[in-house]
Amino acid sequence: MMGRKSLTDIRQKEIINAFYEVAKKDGLENASIGKVAEAMKISKGLVLHYFESKEALVLSLNTFILDRYVVFLNDSSKYTMTSKEDIESYIDLLFSRDWGGYIDDGVFYSFYALIYQNDTVKENFRLHHEELVKVLRIKLSEAVLNGVLKNTKIEELTRLIFSLVDGAYYTLGAFVKEDEEYLKRVELFSSHAKGLLVYY
């Protein structure tokens, strides 16, 4: 029974990855069960065995994408938040290409548009957004406990920084293509976020 469940998980992940690649290439709205089957060289029936509809596959891809962001932030454990340098490096990470390039912008914003059309996608985004906010809140709280940050309104600070990150992610992905200008904008957004921090 365990082996069967494991095989199902593996196959579902393969299909979700293939769907992501198709969505990157053709756009989420043009991705289909048939195109996924063709890309994987399997039958449509096999894809439908694991996902009963395109909507089910869309929702699974949505979770997969948002989970990757949570993993990215949680894996950044080298930032111990015991010094100003650690804290500012962590803030820089949030605005970096490492973060912004983690998932294809076109696919991500296709899901963003679905927030206004699909309540399940909207709730999924909300839950994952709160998880990302929580990771940053914990990091900033560590800096306070370690006697590095003076800020007392950590919830407010976290929300402000995340709003800057969200706005930066959108404008950098949509409008800034040249590397030099990209880095200038990253520095601008990051410096404003760091300007919210008060040190001992």
C-alpha atoms as a PDB file:
ATOM      1  CA  MET A   1       0.000   0.000   0.000  1.00  0.00           C
ATOM      2  CA  MET A   2       2.840   2.348   0.917  1.00  0.00           C
ATOM      3  CA  GLY A   3       4.664   1.599  -2.348  1.00  0.00           C
ATOM      4  CA  ARG A   4       1.542   2.340  -4.379  1.00  0.00           C
ATOM      5  CA  LYS A   5       1.024   5.691  -2.623  1.00  0.00           C
ATOM      6  CA  SER A   6       4.671   6.574  -3.201  1.00  0.00           C
ATOM      7  CA  LEU A   7       4.389   5.701  -6.899  1.00  0.00           C
ATOM      8  CA  THR A   8       1.237   7.840  -7.160  1.00  0.00           C
ATOM      9  CA  ASP A   9       3.039  10.781  -5.553  1.00  0.00           C
ATOM     10  CA  ILE A  10       5.970  10.409  -7.933  1.00  0.00           C
ATOM     11  CA  ARG A  11       3.738  10.198 -11.000  1.00  0.00           C
ATOM     12  CA  GLN A  12       1.654  13.198  -9.884  1.00  0.00           C
ATOM     13  CA  LYS A  13       4.804  15.285  -9.396  1.00  0.00           C
ATOM     14  CA  GLU A  14       6.025  14.301 -12.867  1.00  0.00           C
ATOM     15  CA  ILE A  15       2.705  15.365 -14.396  1.00  0.00           C
ATOM     16  CA  ILE A  16       2.672  18.656 -12.452  1.00  0.00           C
ATOM     17  CA  ASN A  17       6.242  19.400 -13.604  1.00  0.00           C
ATOM     18  CA  ALA A  18       5.278  18.646 -17.206  1.00  0.00           C
ATOM     19  CA  PHE A  19       2.201  20.886 -16.884  1.00  0.00           C
ATOM     20  CA  TYR A  20       4.424  23.670 -15.539  1.00  0.00           C
ATOM     21  CA  GLU A  21       6.773  23.360 -18.539  1.00  0.00           C
ATOM     22  CA  VAL A  22       3.830  23.433 -20.964  1.00  0.00           C
ATOM     23  CA  ALA A  23       2.372  26.472 -19.167  1.00  0.00           C
ATOM     24  CA  LYS A  24       5.769  28.222 -19.406  1.00  0.00           C
ATOM     25  CA  LYS A  25       5.905  27.557 -23.133  1.00  0.00           C
ATOM     26  CA  ASP A  26       2.288  28.072 -24.197  1.00  0.00           C
ATOM     27  CA  GLY A  27       0.729  30.037 -21.338  1.00  0.00           C
ATOM     28  CA  LEU A  28      -1.417  28.622 -18.561  1.00  0.00           C
ATOM     29  CA  GLU A  29      -4.660  29.322 -20.424  1.00  0.00           C
ATOM     30  CA  ASN A  30      -3.416  27.325 -23.440  1.00  0.00           C
ATOM     31  CA  ALA A  31      -1.964  24.418 -21.449  1.00  0.00           C
ATOM     32  CA  SER A  32      -4.089  21.290 -21.676  1.00  0.00           C
ATOM     33  CA  ILE A  33      -4.240  17.667 -20.575  1.00  0.00           C
ATOM     34  CA  GLY A  34      -3.510  16.681 -24.182  1.00  0.00           C
ATOM     35  CA  LYS A  35      -0.367  18.834 -24.370  1.00  0.00           C
ATOM     36  CA  VAL A  36       0.882  17.428 -21.056  1.00  0.00           C
ATOM     37  CA  ALA A  37       0.322  13.864 -22.301  1.00  0.00           C
ATOM     38  CA  GLU A  38       2.117  14.670 -25.549  1.00  0.00           C
ATOM     39  CA  ALA A  39       5.071  16.244 -23.710  1.00  0.00           C
ATOM     40  CA  MET A  40       5.354  13.199 -21.440  1.00  0.00           C
ATOM     41  CA  LYS A  41       4.699  10.733 -24.283  1.00  0.00           C
ATOM     42  CA  ILE A  42       1.890   9.088 -22.330  1.00  0.00           C
ATOM     43  CA  SER A  43      -1.858   8.801 -22.946  1.00  0.00           C
ATOM     44  CA  LYS A  44      -4.396  11.457 -21.943  1.00  0.00           C
ATOM     45  CA  GLY A  45      -6.150   8.700 -20.026  1.00  0.00           C
ATOM     46  CA  LEU A  46      -3.113   8.212 -17.806  1.00  0.00           C
ATOM     47  CA  VAL A  47      -2.967  11.921 -16.975  1.00  0.00           C
ATOM     48  CA  LEU A  48      -6.700  11.853 -16.199  1.00  0.00           C
ATOM     49  CA  HIS A  49      -6.141   8.841 -13.948  1.00  0.00           C
ATOM     50  CA  TYR A  50      -4.138  11.106 -11.622  1.00  0.00           C
ATOM     51  CA  PHE A  51      -5.962  14.403 -12.266  1.00  0.00           C
ATOM     52  CA  GLU A  52      -9.653  14.203 -13.169  1.00  0.00           C
ATOM     53  CA  SER A  53      -9.658  17.590 -14.955  1.00  0.00           C
ATOM     54  CA  LYS A  54      -7.510  20.516 -16.030  1.00  0.00           C
ATOM     55  CA  GLU A  55      -8.848  22.462 -13.039  1.00  0.00           C
ATOM     56  CA  ALA A  56      -7.517  19.789 -10.658  1.00  0.00           C
ATOM     57  CA  LEU A  57      -4.141  20.013 -12.376  1.00  0.00           C
ATOM     58  CA  VAL A  58      -4.193  23.839 -12.217  1.00  0.00           C
ATOM     59  CA  LEU A  59      -4.876  23.740  -8.472  1.00  0.00           C
ATOM     60  CA  SER A  60      -2.085  21.210  -7.905  1.00  0.00           C
ATOM     61  CA  LEU A  61       0.370  23.340  -9.903  1.00  0.00           C
ATOM     62  CA  ASN A  62      -0.698  26.378  -7.887  1.00  0.00           C
ATOM     63  CA  THR A  63       0.172  24.556  -4.657  1.00  0.00           C
ATOM     64  CA  PHE A  64       3.448  23.300  -6.134  1.00  0.00           C
ATOM     65  CA  ILE A  65       4.531  26.834  -7.117  1.00  0.00           C
ATOM     66  CA  LEU A  66       3.606  28.422  -3.806  1.00  0.00           C
ATOM     67  CA  ASP A  67       5.252  25.590  -1.856  1.00  0.00           C
ATOM     68  CA  ARG A  68       8.520  26.304  -3.693  1.00  0.00           C
ATOM     69  CA  TYR A  69       8.562  29.862  -2.378  1.00  0.00           C
ATOM     70  CA  VAL A  70       8.009  28.661   1.186  1.00  0.00           C
ATOM     71  CA  VAL A  71      10.816  26.096   0.821  1.00  0.00           C
ATOM     72  CA  PHE A  72      13.112  28.787  -0.614  1.00  0.00           C
ATOM     73  CA  LEU A  73      12.691  31.039   2.406  1.00  0.00           C
ATOM     74  CA  ASN A  74      12.816  28.218   4.926  1.00  0.00           C
ATOM     75  CA  ASP A  75      16.037  26.893   3.374  1.00  0.00           C
ATOM     76  CA  SER A  76      17.758  30.236   3.953  1.00  0.00           C
ATOM     77  CA  SER A  77      18.881  29.081   7.399  1.00  0.00           C
ATOM     78  CA  LYS A  78      22.438  30.411   6.951  1.00  0.00           C
ATOM     79  CA  TYR A  79      21.064  33.826   7.905  1.00  0.00           C
ATOM     80  CA  THR A  80      21.273  33.543  11.678  1.00  0.00           C
ATOM     81  CA  MET A  81      20.054  37.105  12.329  1.00  0.00           C
ATOM     82  CA  THR A  82      22.753  37.756  14.922  1.00  0.00           C
ATOM     83  CA  SER A  83      24.198  40.805  13.179  1.00  0.00           C
ATOM     84  CA  LYS A  84      23.194  43.747  11.020  1.00  0.00           C
ATOM     85  CA  GLU A  85      24.996  42.073   8.109  1.00  0.00           C
ATOM     86  CA  ASP A  86      22.905  38.894   8.468  1.00  0.00           C
ATOM     87  CA  ILE A  87      19.650  40.830   8.562  1.00  0.00           C
ATOM     88  CA  GLU A  88      20.479  43.030   5.591  1.00  0.00           C
ATOM     89  CA  SER A  89      21.732  40.049   3.566  1.00  0.00           C
ATOM     90  CA  TYR A  90      18.426  38.318   4.223  1.00  0.00           C
ATOM     91  CA  ILE A  91      16.478  41.399   3.085  1.00  0.00           C
ATOM     92  CA  ASP A  92      18.675  41.574  -0.041  1.00  0.00           C
ATOM     93  CA  LEU A  93      17.807  37.918  -0.708  1.00  0.00           C
ATOM     94  CA  LEU A  94      14.088  38.751  -0.811  1.00  0.00           C
ATOM     95  CA  PHE A  95      14.688  41.248  -3.632  1.00  0.00           C
ATOM     96  CA  SER A  96      17.281  39.165  -5.482  1.00  0.00           C
ATOM     97  CA  ARG A  97      17.051  37.182  -8.708  1.00  0.00           C
ATOM     98  CA  ASP A  98      17.348  34.057  -6.537  1.00  0.00           C
ATOM     99  CA  TRP A  99      13.874  34.828  -5.215  1.00  0.00           C
ATOM    100  CA  GLY A 100      12.373  36.567  -8.244  1.00  0.00           C
ATOM    101  CA  GLY A 101      13.574  33.938 -10.700  1.00  0.00           C
ATOM    102  CA  TYR A 102      12.409  30.961  -8.689  1.00  0.00           C
ATOM    103  CA  ILE A 103       9.251  30.472 -10.754  1.00  0.00           C
ATOM    104  CA  ASP A 104       8.443  31.679 -14.265  1.00  0.00           C
ATOM    105  CA  ASP A 105       6.775  35.122 -14.026  1.00  0.00           C
ATOM    106  CA  GLY A 106       4.249  34.389 -16.763  1.00  0.00           C
ATOM    107  CA  VAL A 107       2.975  31.285 -15.004  1.00  0.00           C
ATOM    108  CA  PHE A 108       2.980  32.969 -11.596  1.00  0.00           C
ATOM    109  CA  TYR A 109       0.939  35.961 -12.758  1.00  0.00           C
ATOM    110  CA  SER A 110      -1.494  33.744 -14.628  1.00  0.00           C
ATOM    111  CA  PHE A 111      -2.283  32.267 -11.227  1.00  0.00           C
ATOM    112  CA  TYR A 112      -2.392  35.739  -9.715  1.00  0.00           C
ATOM    113  CA  ALA A 113      -5.152  36.623 -12.202  1.00  0.00           C
ATOM    114  CA  LEU A 114      -7.043  33.472 -11.194  1.00  0.00           C
ATOM    115  CA  ILE A 115      -7.341  34.851  -7.641  1.00  0.00           C
ATOM    116  CA  TYR A 116     -10.185  37.006  -8.961  1.00  0.00           C
ATOM    117  CA  GLN A 117     -11.926  34.090 -10.696  1.00  0.00           C
ATOM    118  CA  ASN A 118     -11.341  31.029  -8.539  1.00  0.00           C
ATOM    119  CA  ASP A 119     -11.990  30.975  -4.784  1.00  0.00           C
ATOM    120  CA  THR A 120      -9.812  27.885  -4.270  1.00  0.00           C
ATOM    121  CA  VAL A 121      -6.809  29.548  -5.930  1.00  0.00           C
ATOM    122  CA  LYS A 122      -7.489  32.707  -3.911  1.00  0.00           C
ATOM    123  CA  GLU A 123      -7.535  30.787  -0.624  1.00  0.00           C
ATOM    124  CA  ASN A 124      -4.413  28.869  -1.643  1.00  0.00           C
ATOM    125  CA  PHE A 125      -2.573  32.141  -2.317  1.00  0.00           C
ATOM    126  CA  ARG A 126      -3.780  33.607   0.968  1.00  0.00           C
ATOM    127  CA  LEU A 127      -2.591  30.617   3.014  1.00  0.00           C
ATOM    128  CA  HIS A 128       0.804  30.494   1.331  1.00  0.00           C
ATOM    129  CA  HIS A 129       1.216  34.270   1.564  1.00  0.00           C
ATOM    130  CA  GLU A 130       0.621  34.027   5.299  1.00  0.00           C
ATOM    131  CA  GLU A 131       3.189  31.214   5.497  1.00  0.00           C
ATOM    132  CA  LEU A 132       5.780  33.384   3.724  1.00  0.00           C
ATOM    133  CA  VAL A 133       4.965  36.321   6.001  1.00  0.00           C
ATOM    134  CA  LYS A 134       5.348  33.997   8.989  1.00  0.00           C
ATOM    135  CA  VAL A 135       8.857  32.936   7.885  1.00  0.00           C
ATOM    136  CA  LEU A 136       9.961  36.580   7.585  1.00  0.00           C
ATOM    137  CA  ARG A 137       8.260  37.477  10.888  1.00  0.00           C
ATOM    138  CA  ILE A 138      10.177  34.692  12.647  1.00  0.00           C
ATOM    139  CA  LYS A 139      13.465  35.898  11.128  1.00  0.00           C
ATOM    140  CA  LEU A 140      12.852  39.486  12.241  1.00  0.00           C
ATOM    141  CA  SER A 141      11.747  38.311  15.691  1.00  0.00           C
ATOM    142  CA  GLU A 142      15.013  36.363  15.996  1.00  0.00           C
ATOM    143  CA  ALA A 143      16.902  39.587  15.275  1.00  0.00           C
ATOM    144  CA  VAL A 144      14.994  41.308  18.094  1.00  0.00           C
ATOM    145  CA  LEU A 145      15.626  38.432  20.519  1.00  0.00           C
ATOM    146  CA  ASN A 146      19.314  38.470  19.571  1.00  0.00           C
ATOM    147  CA  GLY A 147      19.501  42.139  20.566  1.00  0.00           C
ATOM    148  CA  VAL A 148      20.231  43.407  17.052  1.00  0.00           C
ATOM    149  CA  LEU A 149      16.929  45.041  16.064  1.00  0.00           C
ATOM    150  CA  LYS A 150      15.105  47.642  18.148  1.00  0.00           C
ATOM    151  CA  ASN A 151      11.847  47.463  16.176  1.00  0.00           C
ATOM    152  CA  THR A 152       8.894  46.536  18.381  1.00  0.00           C
ATOM    153  CA  LYS A 153       6.035  46.391  15.848  1.00  0.00           C
ATOM    154  CA  ILE A 154       7.304  43.266  14.102  1.00  0.00           C
ATOM    155  CA  GLU A 155       3.960  42.341  12.523  1.00  0.00           C
ATOM    156  CA  GLU A 156       3.681  45.788  10.948  1.00  0.00           C
ATOM    157  CA  LEU A 157       7.336  45.730   9.858  1.00  0.00           C
ATOM    158  CA  THR A 158       6.904  42.309   8.263  1.00  0.00           C
ATOM    159  CA  ARG A 159       3.815  43.378   6.299  1.00  0.00           C
ATOM    160  CA  LEU A 160       5.532  46.537   5.036  1.00  0.00           C
ATOM    161  CA  ILE A 161       8.622  44.668   3.852  1.00  0.00           C
ATOM    162  CA  PHE A 162       6.511  42.022   2.149  1.00  0.00           C
ATOM    163  CA  SER A 163       4.450  44.673   0.375  1.00  0.00           C
ATOM    164  CA  LEU A 164       7.682  46.135  -0.988  1.00  0.00           C
ATOM    165  CA  VAL A 165       8.811  42.666  -2.094  1.00  0.00           C
ATOM    166  CA  ASP A 166       5.497  41.961  -3.852  1.00  0.00           C
ATOM    167  CA  GLY A 167       5.601  45.293  -5.673  1.00  0.00           C
ATOM    168  CA  ALA A 168       9.247  44.870  -6.623  1.00  0.00           C
ATOM    169  CA  TYR A 169       8.659  41.332  -7.910  1.00  0.00           C
ATOM    170  CA  TYR A 170       5.907  42.601 -10.205  1.00  0.00           C
ATOM    171  CA  THR A 171       7.663  45.701 -11.578  1.00  0.00           C
ATOM    172  CA  LEU A 172      11.044  44.010 -12.012  1.00  0.00           C
ATOM    173  CA  GLY A 173       9.538  41.008 -13.795  1.00  0.00           C
ATOM    174  CA  ALA A 174       7.157  42.979 -16.004  1.00  0.00           C
ATOM    175  CA  PHE A 175       9.092  46.089 -16.953  1.00  0.00           C
ATOM    176  CA  VAL A 176      12.833  45.768 -16.293  1.00  0.00           C
ATOM    177  CA  LYS A 177      14.861  43.604 -18.654  1.00  0.00           C
ATOM    178  CA  GLU A 178      18.330  45.180 -18.703  1.00  0.00           C
ATOM    179  CA  ASP A 179      20.675  43.766 -16.055  1.00  0.00           C
ATOM    180  CA  GLU A 180      22.144  47.124 -15.043  1.00  0.00           C
ATOM    181  CA  GLU A 181      18.735  48.769 -14.554  1.00  0.00           C
ATOM    182  CA  TYR A 182      17.454  45.640 -12.788  1.00  0.00           C
ATOM    183  CA  LEU A 183      20.259  45.804 -10.229  1.00  0.00           C
ATOM    184  CA  LYS A 184      19.669  49.539  -9.695  1.00  0.00           C
ATOM    185  CA  ARG A 185      15.996  48.923  -8.971  1.00  0.00           C
ATOM    186  CA  VAL A 186      16.777  45.997  -6.670  1.00  0.00           C
ATOM    187  CA  GLU A 187      19.132  48.229  -4.705  1.00  0.00           C
ATOM    188  CA  LEU A 188      16.481  50.960  -4.545  1.00  0.00           C
ATOM    189  CA  PHE A 189      13.721  48.666  -3.238  1.00  0.00           C
ATOM    190  CA  SER A 190      16.023  46.797  -0.884  1.00  0.00           C
ATOM    191  CA  SER A 191      17.468  49.989   0.606  1.00  0.00           C
ATOM    192  CA  HIS A 192      13.970  51.297   1.366  1.00  0.00           C
ATOM    193  CA  ALA A 193      13.087  48.006   3.075  1.00  0.00           C
ATOM    194  CA  LYS A 194      16.300  48.144   5.121  1.00  0.00           C
ATOM    195  CA  GLY A 195      15.493  51.771   5.995  1.00  0.00           C
ATOM    196  CA  LEU A 196      12.581  50.435   8.066  1.00  0.00           C
ATOM    197  CA  LEU A 197      14.968  48.573  10.369  1.00  0.00           C
ATOM    198  CA  VAL A 198      16.147  50.188  13.619  1.00  0.00           C
ATOM    199  CA  TYR A 199      19.353  48.793  15.143  1.00  0.00           C
ATOM    200  CA  TYR A 200      20.831  48.956  18.609  1.00  0.00           C
END
